[in-house]
N, C-alpha and C. Protein backbone atom coordinates (compact mmCIF):
# COMPACT_ATOMS: atom_id res chain seq x y z
N MET A 1 -24.03 82.17 -23.98
CA MET A 1 -22.52 82.84 -24.88
C MET A 1 -22.76 82.58 -26.47
N LYS A 2 -22.54 83.20 -27.70
CA LYS A 2 -22.71 83.05 -28.93
C LYS A 2 -21.45 82.06 -29.03
N ILE A 3 -20.17 82.41 -28.38
CA ILE A 3 -18.49 81.31 -29.16
C ILE A 3 -19.12 80.51 -28.44
N LYS A 4 -19.57 80.22 -26.99
CA LYS A 4 -19.37 78.83 -26.82
C LYS A 4 -20.23 77.80 -27.27
N GLU A 5 -21.58 78.50 -27.93
CA GLU A 5 -22.50 77.80 -28.17
C GLU A 5 -22.42 76.96 -29.49
N GLN A 6 -21.53 78.23 -30.11
CA GLN A 6 -20.90 77.71 -31.99
C GLN A 6 -19.84 76.62 -31.17
N ILE A 7 -18.73 76.81 -30.48
CA ILE A 7 -18.02 76.16 -30.50
C ILE A 7 -18.25 74.20 -30.11
N LEU A 8 -19.71 74.58 -29.47
CA LEU A 8 -20.03 73.29 -28.85
C LEU A 8 -21.14 72.29 -30.27
N ALA A 9 -21.59 73.03 -31.06
CA ALA A 9 -22.29 73.03 -32.24
C ALA A 9 -21.06 72.01 -32.83
N VAL A 10 -19.94 72.94 -33.08
CA VAL A 10 -19.40 72.30 -33.76
C VAL A 10 -18.24 71.03 -33.59
N ARG A 11 -18.51 70.86 -32.02
CA ARG A 11 -17.87 69.60 -31.56
C ARG A 11 -18.69 68.63 -31.46
N ASP A 12 -20.51 69.09 -31.81
CA ASP A 12 -21.38 67.69 -31.61
C ASP A 12 -21.53 67.45 -33.40
N THR A 13 -21.36 67.51 -34.36
CA THR A 13 -20.97 67.44 -35.44
C THR A 13 -20.24 66.26 -35.53
N GLY A 14 -19.18 65.77 -34.82
CA GLY A 14 -17.98 65.20 -34.60
C GLY A 14 -17.37 64.56 -35.80
N LEU A 15 -17.10 65.87 -36.31
CA LEU A 15 -15.97 66.22 -38.01
C LEU A 15 -14.65 66.05 -37.94
N THR A 16 -14.22 66.73 -36.51
CA THR A 16 -12.80 66.75 -36.27
C THR A 16 -12.40 67.09 -34.73
N ASN A 17 -11.03 66.58 -34.88
CA ASN A 17 -10.48 66.83 -33.31
C ASN A 17 -10.47 68.54 -33.13
N MET A 18 -10.84 68.82 -32.11
CA MET A 18 -11.41 70.37 -31.39
C MET A 18 -9.91 71.20 -31.49
N PHE A 19 -9.04 70.29 -31.08
CA PHE A 19 -7.88 71.09 -31.21
C PHE A 19 -7.11 71.30 -32.67
N ASP A 20 -7.90 70.33 -33.58
CA ASP A 20 -7.68 71.29 -34.93
C ASP A 20 -7.86 72.46 -35.29
N THR A 21 -7.53 73.48 -34.81
CA THR A 21 -8.11 74.99 -35.06
C THR A 21 -8.40 75.20 -36.33
N ARG A 22 -8.04 74.83 -37.27
CA ARG A 22 -7.73 75.09 -38.92
C ARG A 22 -9.17 74.34 -38.95
N ALA A 23 -9.17 72.90 -38.98
CA ALA A 23 -10.44 72.29 -39.05
C ALA A 23 -11.83 72.67 -38.79
N VAL A 24 -11.70 73.39 -37.35
CA VAL A 24 -12.67 73.73 -36.57
C VAL A 24 -12.86 75.05 -37.59
N GLN A 25 -12.21 75.83 -37.68
CA GLN A 25 -12.65 77.26 -38.78
C GLN A 25 -13.59 77.05 -39.60
N VAL A 26 -12.89 75.85 -40.53
CA VAL A 26 -13.54 75.61 -41.90
C VAL A 26 -15.02 75.21 -41.43
N ILE A 27 -15.60 74.31 -40.46
CA ILE A 27 -16.73 73.81 -40.32
C ILE A 27 -17.19 74.76 -39.54
N ALA A 28 -16.92 75.74 -38.95
CA ALA A 28 -17.78 76.88 -38.33
C ALA A 28 -18.23 77.78 -39.58
N ASN A 29 -17.19 78.23 -40.44
CA ASN A 29 -17.23 79.04 -41.84
C ASN A 29 -18.52 78.00 -42.23
N GLU A 30 -18.17 76.74 -42.54
CA GLU A 30 -19.47 76.14 -43.31
C GLU A 30 -21.35 76.29 -42.67
N MET A 31 -20.91 76.13 -41.24
CA MET A 31 -22.40 76.57 -40.53
C MET A 31 -22.65 77.90 -40.05
N GLY A 32 -21.81 78.62 -41.22
CA GLY A 32 -22.30 79.73 -40.57
C GLY A 32 -21.38 80.84 -39.69
N PHE A 33 -21.06 80.03 -38.42
CA PHE A 33 -20.25 80.45 -37.25
C PHE A 33 -19.36 81.39 -37.61
N TYR A 34 -19.59 82.80 -38.19
CA TYR A 34 -18.26 83.52 -38.55
C TYR A 34 -17.56 84.02 -37.25
N GLU A 35 -18.54 84.33 -36.45
CA GLU A 35 -17.81 84.70 -34.92
C GLU A 35 -16.74 84.10 -34.57
N LEU A 36 -16.76 82.59 -34.63
CA LEU A 36 -15.71 81.81 -33.98
C LEU A 36 -15.01 81.75 -34.99
N VAL A 37 -14.94 81.96 -36.04
CA VAL A 37 -13.57 81.64 -37.16
C VAL A 37 -12.99 82.82 -36.70
N ILE A 38 -13.55 84.47 -36.43
CA ILE A 38 -12.63 84.95 -36.13
C ILE A 38 -12.17 84.91 -34.87
N PHE A 39 -12.71 84.46 -33.80
CA PHE A 39 -12.35 84.10 -32.03
C PHE A 39 -10.86 83.55 -32.70
N LEU A 40 -11.19 82.25 -33.45
CA LEU A 40 -9.94 81.49 -33.08
C LEU A 40 -9.01 81.97 -33.99
N GLU A 41 -8.90 83.12 -34.57
CA GLU A 41 -7.72 83.66 -35.11
C GLU A 41 -7.21 85.08 -33.89
N GLU A 42 -8.10 85.50 -33.29
CA GLU A 42 -7.80 86.67 -32.43
C GLU A 42 -7.05 85.54 -31.06
N HIS A 43 -8.03 84.61 -30.81
CA HIS A 43 -7.54 84.42 -28.86
C HIS A 43 -7.81 82.80 -29.22
N LYS A 44 -6.91 81.88 -29.74
CA LYS A 44 -6.64 80.76 -30.18
C LYS A 44 -6.03 80.33 -28.22
N LYS A 45 -5.57 80.94 -27.79
CA LYS A 45 -4.94 80.29 -26.58
C LYS A 45 -6.41 80.54 -25.61
N GLU A 46 -7.10 81.28 -25.20
CA GLU A 46 -8.70 81.40 -24.81
C GLU A 46 -9.43 79.96 -25.19
N TYR A 47 -9.30 80.11 -26.52
CA TYR A 47 -9.94 78.58 -26.67
C TYR A 47 -9.44 77.42 -26.72
N VAL A 48 -8.28 77.12 -26.66
CA VAL A 48 -8.04 75.90 -26.52
C VAL A 48 -8.08 75.60 -24.38
N GLU A 49 -8.11 76.73 -23.96
CA GLU A 49 -8.26 76.71 -22.40
C GLU A 49 -9.95 76.32 -22.39
N PHE A 50 -10.36 76.55 -23.06
CA PHE A 50 -12.23 76.37 -23.09
C PHE A 50 -12.35 74.55 -23.34
N VAL A 51 -11.56 74.00 -24.31
CA VAL A 51 -11.81 73.33 -24.52
C VAL A 51 -11.01 71.78 -23.94
N ILE A 52 -9.65 72.41 -22.98
CA ILE A 52 -9.49 71.60 -21.97
C ILE A 52 -9.99 71.64 -21.04
N TYR A 53 -10.44 72.86 -20.34
CA TYR A 53 -10.83 72.78 -18.82
C TYR A 53 -12.05 73.48 -18.94
N GLY A 54 -12.74 73.39 -20.15
CA GLY A 54 -14.13 73.66 -20.29
C GLY A 54 -14.91 75.17 -19.13
N LYS A 55 -14.05 76.19 -18.93
CA LYS A 55 -14.10 76.95 -17.95
C LYS A 55 -14.83 78.13 -19.10
N ASP A 56 -15.87 78.67 -18.97
CA ASP A 56 -16.57 79.87 -19.62
C ASP A 56 -16.10 81.07 -19.96
N GLY A 57 -15.50 81.52 -18.45
CA GLY A 57 -14.70 82.98 -18.49
C GLY A 57 -13.70 83.04 -19.37
N VAL A 58 -12.93 82.04 -19.95
CA VAL A 58 -11.75 82.37 -20.83
C VAL A 58 -12.07 82.85 -22.33
N LEU A 59 -13.78 83.16 -22.33
CA LEU A 59 -14.13 83.12 -24.01
C LEU A 59 -14.74 84.26 -23.79
N ASP A 60 -14.27 85.51 -22.37
CA ASP A 60 -15.12 86.86 -22.67
C ASP A 60 -14.12 87.78 -22.85
N VAL A 61 -13.77 87.71 -23.95
CA VAL A 61 -12.54 88.52 -24.13
C VAL A 61 -12.93 89.36 -25.30
N GLU A 62 -12.44 90.43 -25.60
CA GLU A 62 -12.98 91.72 -26.14
C GLU A 62 -12.33 91.79 -27.54
């Protein structure tokens, strides 16, 4: 899944707390992860659930 891979790539940079969604968006944008930037705008609840619980299914939104 593309969003999951992008979240993990941002996390692996160690540049921000993953709950700082604005900083995550800035880093994602700098890395060319435009899908993640948009995903965070539209699905913040699902993103936080993934970060807390690690459940892949919550990222499967349209």
